[in-house]
N, C-alpha and C. Protein backbone atom coordinates (compact mmCIF):
# COMPACT_ATOMS: atom_id res chain seq x y z
N MET A 1 -70.40 259.51 -33.15
CA MET A 1 -70.46 258.11 -33.51
C MET A 1 -69.03 257.58 -33.59
N PRO A 2 -68.69 256.51 -32.85
CA PRO A 2 -67.33 255.97 -32.87
C PRO A 2 -67.02 255.30 -34.21
N LEU A 3 -65.75 255.40 -34.58
CA LEU A 3 -65.32 254.79 -35.84
C LEU A 3 -65.14 253.30 -35.66
N ASN A 4 -65.56 252.55 -36.63
CA ASN A 4 -65.43 251.11 -36.59
C ASN A 4 -64.12 250.74 -37.28
N PRO A 5 -63.16 250.09 -36.54
CA PRO A 5 -61.89 249.74 -37.17
C PRO A 5 -62.03 248.80 -38.34
N SER A 6 -63.10 248.03 -38.38
CA SER A 6 -63.26 247.09 -39.48
C SER A 6 -63.81 247.77 -40.73
N ALA A 7 -64.12 249.07 -40.64
CA ALA A 7 -64.70 249.78 -41.79
C ALA A 7 -63.63 250.34 -42.72
N GLY A 8 -62.38 249.90 -42.58
CA GLY A 8 -61.34 250.32 -43.49
C GLY A 8 -60.41 251.38 -42.92
N PHE A 9 -60.62 251.80 -41.71
CA PHE A 9 -59.74 252.78 -41.07
C PHE A 9 -58.63 252.03 -40.35
N SER A 10 -57.41 252.23 -40.79
CA SER A 10 -56.29 251.51 -40.16
C SER A 10 -55.88 252.15 -38.85
N ASP A 11 -55.94 253.47 -38.77
CA ASP A 11 -55.56 254.19 -37.55
C ASP A 11 -56.46 255.40 -37.42
N PRO A 12 -57.55 255.29 -36.65
CA PRO A 12 -58.52 256.38 -36.60
C PRO A 12 -57.95 257.70 -36.08
N GLY A 13 -56.91 257.68 -35.25
CA GLY A 13 -56.37 258.91 -34.71
C GLY A 13 -55.29 259.52 -35.57
N PHE A 14 -55.04 258.95 -36.73
CA PHE A 14 -53.94 259.40 -37.57
C PHE A 14 -54.52 259.87 -38.91
N GLU A 15 -54.92 261.14 -38.96
CA GLU A 15 -55.54 261.65 -40.18
C GLU A 15 -54.51 262.21 -41.15
N ASP A 16 -53.48 262.88 -40.62
CA ASP A 16 -52.49 263.55 -41.47
C ASP A 16 -51.30 262.61 -41.69
N LYS A 17 -51.06 262.23 -42.92
CA LYS A 17 -49.97 261.30 -43.22
C LYS A 17 -48.60 261.98 -43.15
N GLU A 18 -48.54 263.31 -43.14
CA GLU A 18 -47.27 264.03 -43.12
C GLU A 18 -46.60 263.98 -41.75
N LYS A 19 -47.37 264.06 -40.69
CA LYS A 19 -46.82 264.11 -39.34
C LYS A 19 -46.55 262.70 -38.82
N PRO A 20 -45.40 262.49 -38.17
CA PRO A 20 -45.17 261.18 -37.58
C PRO A 20 -46.04 261.00 -36.34
N ARG A 21 -46.37 259.78 -36.07
CA ARG A 21 -47.17 259.48 -34.88
C ARG A 21 -46.34 259.74 -33.63
N PRO A 22 -46.96 260.11 -32.53
CA PRO A 22 -46.21 260.31 -31.29
C PRO A 22 -45.47 259.05 -30.84
N ASN A 23 -46.03 257.91 -31.10
CA ASN A 23 -45.37 256.66 -30.72
C ASN A 23 -44.09 256.45 -31.51
N ALA A 24 -44.08 256.88 -32.76
CA ALA A 24 -42.89 256.72 -33.59
C ALA A 24 -41.76 257.60 -33.06
N ARG A 25 -42.09 258.82 -32.63
CA ARG A 25 -41.07 259.69 -32.06
C ARG A 25 -40.54 259.13 -30.75
N LEU A 26 -41.44 258.60 -29.94
CA LEU A 26 -41.04 258.01 -28.67
C LEU A 26 -40.15 256.79 -28.90
N GLU A 27 -40.50 255.97 -29.87
CA GLU A 27 -39.68 254.81 -30.19
C GLU A 27 -38.30 255.22 -30.67
N LYS A 28 -38.22 256.29 -31.46
CA LYS A 28 -36.94 256.78 -31.94
C LYS A 28 -36.09 257.31 -30.78
N LEU A 29 -36.71 258.02 -29.85
CA LEU A 29 -36.01 258.52 -28.67
C LEU A 29 -35.50 257.38 -27.81
N VAL A 30 -36.32 256.35 -27.65
CA VAL A 30 -35.90 255.18 -26.87
C VAL A 30 -34.72 254.50 -27.55
N ASP A 31 -34.74 254.40 -28.88
CA ASP A 31 -33.62 253.81 -29.61
C ASP A 31 -32.34 254.61 -29.42
N ILE A 32 -32.45 255.93 -29.49
CA ILE A 32 -31.27 256.78 -29.31
C ILE A 32 -30.72 256.63 -27.89
N LEU A 33 -31.59 256.63 -26.90
CA LEU A 33 -31.15 256.46 -25.51
C LEU A 33 -30.53 255.09 -25.28
N THR A 34 -31.08 254.08 -25.90
CA THR A 34 -30.53 252.73 -25.76
C THR A 34 -29.12 252.66 -26.33
N VAL A 35 -28.92 253.21 -27.50
CA VAL A 35 -27.59 253.21 -28.11
C VAL A 35 -26.62 254.03 -27.27
N THR A 36 -27.08 255.16 -26.74
CA THR A 36 -26.21 255.99 -25.90
C THR A 36 -25.79 255.24 -24.65
N LEU A 37 -26.72 254.56 -24.02
CA LEU A 37 -26.37 253.77 -22.83
C LEU A 37 -25.41 252.64 -23.17
N TRP A 38 -25.60 252.01 -24.32
CA TRP A 38 -24.66 250.97 -24.74
C TRP A 38 -23.26 251.55 -24.91
N LEU A 39 -23.18 252.74 -25.52
CA LEU A 39 -21.88 253.36 -25.74
C LEU A 39 -21.21 253.72 -24.42
N VAL A 40 -21.98 254.23 -23.46
CA VAL A 40 -21.42 254.52 -22.14
C VAL A 40 -20.92 253.24 -21.48
N HIS A 41 -21.70 252.18 -21.62
CA HIS A 41 -21.34 250.88 -21.06
C HIS A 41 -20.03 250.38 -21.68
N ILE A 42 -19.89 250.51 -22.98
CA ILE A 42 -18.68 250.07 -23.68
C ILE A 42 -17.48 250.91 -23.28
N VAL A 43 -17.66 252.22 -23.22
CA VAL A 43 -16.56 253.11 -22.83
C VAL A 43 -16.11 252.78 -21.41
N TYR A 44 -17.04 252.47 -20.53
CA TYR A 44 -16.69 252.08 -19.16
C TYR A 44 -15.74 250.88 -19.16
N TRP A 45 -16.10 249.81 -19.87
CA TRP A 45 -15.27 248.61 -19.90
C TRP A 45 -13.89 248.90 -20.47
N LEU A 46 -13.84 249.70 -21.54
CA LEU A 46 -12.56 249.98 -22.18
C LEU A 46 -11.67 250.87 -21.30
N VAL A 47 -12.25 251.86 -20.64
CA VAL A 47 -11.46 252.74 -19.78
C VAL A 47 -10.94 252.00 -18.56
N VAL A 48 -11.79 251.23 -17.92
CA VAL A 48 -11.35 250.47 -16.75
C VAL A 48 -10.28 249.45 -17.15
N GLY A 49 -10.46 248.81 -18.29
CA GLY A 49 -9.46 247.86 -18.77
C GLY A 49 -8.13 248.52 -19.03
N GLY A 50 -8.14 249.66 -19.70
CA GLY A 50 -6.89 250.38 -19.95
C GLY A 50 -6.23 250.85 -18.67
N PHE A 51 -7.03 251.33 -17.73
CA PHE A 51 -6.49 251.78 -16.45
C PHE A 51 -5.83 250.62 -15.69
N LEU A 52 -6.52 249.48 -15.63
CA LEU A 52 -5.96 248.34 -14.91
C LEU A 52 -4.73 247.76 -15.59
N MET A 53 -4.62 247.94 -16.88
CA MET A 53 -3.43 247.45 -17.58
C MET A 53 -2.23 248.36 -17.34
N LEU A 54 -2.46 249.67 -17.22
CA LEU A 54 -1.35 250.61 -17.10
C LEU A 54 -0.98 250.95 -15.66
N PHE A 55 -1.95 251.01 -14.76
CA PHE A 55 -1.72 251.52 -13.42
C PHE A 55 -0.64 250.78 -12.63
N PRO A 56 -0.57 249.45 -12.65
CA PRO A 56 0.48 248.79 -11.85
C PRO A 56 1.89 249.13 -12.29
N TRP A 57 2.08 249.62 -13.48
CA TRP A 57 3.42 249.91 -13.98
C TRP A 57 3.80 251.38 -13.83
N LEU A 58 2.90 252.19 -13.29
CA LEU A 58 3.19 253.61 -13.04
C LEU A 58 3.89 253.75 -11.68
N ASP A 59 4.58 254.88 -11.49
CA ASP A 59 5.27 255.14 -10.23
C ASP A 59 4.31 255.29 -9.07
N PHE A 60 3.10 255.76 -9.33
CA PHE A 60 2.14 255.96 -8.26
C PHE A 60 1.76 254.65 -7.58
N TRP A 61 1.89 253.53 -8.28
CA TRP A 61 1.58 252.22 -7.70
C TRP A 61 2.43 251.96 -6.46
N GLN A 62 3.70 252.35 -6.49
CA GLN A 62 4.58 252.08 -5.36
C GLN A 62 4.89 253.33 -4.54
N ASP A 63 4.51 254.50 -4.98
CA ASP A 63 4.74 255.75 -4.25
C ASP A 63 3.41 256.40 -3.93
N ASN A 64 2.74 255.91 -2.90
CA ASN A 64 1.47 256.52 -2.53
C ASN A 64 1.32 256.53 -1.01
N ARG A 65 0.29 257.19 -0.55
CA ARG A 65 0.07 257.35 0.89
C ARG A 65 -0.20 256.02 1.58
N LEU A 66 -0.83 255.11 0.89
CA LEU A 66 -1.15 253.82 1.50
C LEU A 66 0.13 253.09 1.91
N ILE A 67 1.14 253.13 1.07
CA ILE A 67 2.41 252.46 1.39
C ILE A 67 3.15 253.21 2.50
N TYR A 68 3.06 254.53 2.49
CA TYR A 68 3.70 255.29 3.56
C TYR A 68 3.02 255.02 4.91
N ARG A 69 1.72 254.84 4.85
CA ARG A 69 0.97 254.58 6.09
C ARG A 69 1.16 253.15 6.57
N PHE A 70 1.19 252.18 5.63
CA PHE A 70 1.36 250.76 5.96
C PHE A 70 2.56 250.22 5.18
N PRO A 71 3.76 250.37 5.71
CA PRO A 71 4.95 249.94 4.96
C PRO A 71 5.03 248.43 4.75
N ASP A 72 4.25 247.67 5.50
CA ASP A 72 4.26 246.21 5.30
C ASP A 72 3.63 245.80 3.96
N LEU A 73 2.89 246.69 3.34
CA LEU A 73 2.28 246.39 2.04
C LEU A 73 3.27 246.54 0.88
N GLN A 74 4.41 247.15 1.13
CA GLN A 74 5.39 247.40 0.07
C GLN A 74 5.81 246.12 -0.66
N PRO A 75 6.17 245.04 0.05
CA PRO A 75 6.57 243.83 -0.70
C PRO A 75 5.42 243.20 -1.49
N ILE A 76 4.20 243.35 -0.97
CA ILE A 76 3.05 242.77 -1.68
C ILE A 76 2.77 243.54 -2.95
N LEU A 77 2.75 244.87 -2.86
CA LEU A 77 2.45 245.69 -4.04
C LEU A 77 3.60 245.71 -5.05
N ALA A 78 4.81 245.44 -4.60
CA ALA A 78 5.95 245.41 -5.52
C ALA A 78 6.07 244.06 -6.22
N ASN A 79 5.30 243.09 -5.79
CA ASN A 79 5.37 241.75 -6.37
C ASN A 79 4.90 241.79 -7.83
N PRO A 80 5.73 241.30 -8.75
CA PRO A 80 5.33 241.32 -10.16
C PRO A 80 4.12 240.42 -10.46
N PHE A 81 3.90 239.41 -9.64
CA PHE A 81 2.74 238.54 -9.87
C PHE A 81 1.43 239.29 -9.60
N LEU A 82 1.42 240.15 -8.58
CA LEU A 82 0.23 240.97 -8.32
C LEU A 82 0.02 241.97 -9.46
N LYS A 83 1.10 242.57 -9.93
CA LYS A 83 0.99 243.49 -11.06
C LYS A 83 0.46 242.76 -12.29
N GLY A 84 0.92 241.56 -12.52
CA GLY A 84 0.44 240.76 -13.65
C GLY A 84 -1.02 240.38 -13.50
N ALA A 85 -1.44 240.10 -12.26
CA ALA A 85 -2.85 239.76 -12.03
C ALA A 85 -3.75 240.97 -12.32
N VAL A 86 -3.33 242.14 -11.88
CA VAL A 86 -4.11 243.35 -12.16
C VAL A 86 -4.13 243.63 -13.66
N LEU A 87 -3.00 243.44 -14.33
CA LEU A 87 -2.94 243.60 -15.77
C LEU A 87 -3.88 242.60 -16.45
N GLY A 88 -3.94 241.37 -15.93
CA GLY A 88 -4.85 240.36 -16.49
C GLY A 88 -6.31 240.77 -16.34
N LEU A 89 -6.64 241.39 -15.22
CA LEU A 89 -8.01 241.90 -15.06
C LEU A 89 -8.30 243.00 -16.08
N GLY A 90 -7.29 243.81 -16.36
CA GLY A 90 -7.46 244.84 -17.38
C GLY A 90 -7.70 244.24 -18.76
N VAL A 91 -6.98 243.19 -19.07
CA VAL A 91 -7.17 242.51 -20.36
C VAL A 91 -8.58 241.93 -20.44
N VAL A 92 -9.05 241.33 -19.35
CA VAL A 92 -10.41 240.77 -19.33
C VAL A 92 -11.43 241.89 -19.56
N ASN A 93 -11.24 243.04 -18.93
CA ASN A 93 -12.15 244.17 -19.13
C ASN A 93 -12.13 244.64 -20.58
N LEU A 94 -10.96 244.70 -21.19
CA LEU A 94 -10.88 245.10 -22.60
C LEU A 94 -11.60 244.09 -23.51
N ILE A 95 -11.44 242.81 -23.21
CA ILE A 95 -12.13 241.78 -24.00
C ILE A 95 -13.64 241.92 -23.86
N ILE A 96 -14.11 242.19 -22.65
CA ILE A 96 -15.55 242.40 -22.45
C ILE A 96 -16.02 243.61 -23.24
N GLY A 97 -15.24 244.69 -23.24
CA GLY A 97 -15.59 245.87 -24.01
C GLY A 97 -15.68 245.58 -25.50
N ILE A 98 -14.75 244.80 -26.02
CA ILE A 98 -14.76 244.44 -27.44
C ILE A 98 -15.97 243.57 -27.75
N GLN A 99 -16.28 242.63 -26.85
CA GLN A 99 -17.47 241.79 -27.05
C GLN A 99 -18.74 242.63 -27.06
N GLU A 100 -18.80 243.64 -26.21
CA GLU A 100 -19.96 244.50 -26.18
C GLU A 100 -20.08 245.33 -27.46
N ILE A 101 -18.95 245.72 -28.03
CA ILE A 101 -18.97 246.43 -29.32
C ILE A 101 -19.56 245.53 -30.40
N VAL A 102 -19.11 244.28 -30.44
CA VAL A 102 -19.64 243.33 -31.44
C VAL A 102 -21.12 243.10 -31.21
N ARG A 103 -21.51 242.97 -29.95
CA ARG A 103 -22.92 242.74 -29.62
C ARG A 103 -23.78 243.94 -30.03
N LEU A 104 -23.26 245.16 -29.83
CA LEU A 104 -24.00 246.35 -30.24
C LEU A 104 -24.13 246.41 -31.76
N GLN A 105 -23.05 246.08 -32.48
CA GLN A 105 -23.12 246.10 -33.94
C GLN A 105 -24.12 245.08 -34.46
N LYS A 106 -24.16 243.90 -33.84
CA LYS A 106 -25.15 242.89 -34.27
C LYS A 106 -26.56 243.38 -33.99
N GLY A 107 -26.76 244.02 -32.84
CA GLY A 107 -28.08 244.54 -32.49
C GLY A 107 -28.51 245.66 -33.42
N LEU A 108 -27.58 246.56 -33.76
CA LEU A 108 -27.91 247.64 -34.68
C LEU A 108 -28.15 247.10 -36.08
N GLY A 109 -27.39 246.09 -36.48
CA GLY A 109 -27.58 245.51 -37.80
C GLY A 109 -28.94 244.86 -37.95
N SER A 110 -29.41 244.20 -36.90
CA SER A 110 -30.73 243.55 -36.98
C SER A 110 -31.85 244.57 -36.94
N SER A 111 -31.65 245.70 -36.23
CA SER A 111 -32.71 246.71 -36.19
C SER A 111 -32.78 247.49 -37.49
N VAL A 112 -31.66 247.64 -38.19
CA VAL A 112 -31.66 248.35 -39.48
C VAL A 112 -32.32 247.50 -40.55
N SER A 113 -32.16 246.19 -40.49
CA SER A 113 -32.70 245.32 -41.52
C SER A 113 -34.21 245.13 -41.40
N ARG A 114 -34.81 245.58 -40.31
CA ARG A 114 -36.27 245.41 -40.14
C ARG A 114 -37.02 246.23 -41.09
């Protein structure tokens, strides 16, 4: 005989109150994976930003195979305005990473308060 939900049974498949429901474990796993992906996303923005800020000022920027193969690129790559533009892209990436950190904290704060 099937159980009638209106007869006072809130969850007919959940007899033991000690064990968590499978859906609760799945939801917790999804939450952990979501936070992990957010952290990978944030680390990506911060690493790329740091790399773009530092790379134009390293010796490898002007001493590499590309310049030896195409010497006409030397004046373009040595131009401080190009180096500044790449540094600016790095700053933009760092700002995006910081914004994502704030966004993650706001999201975690709202999920904790539920």
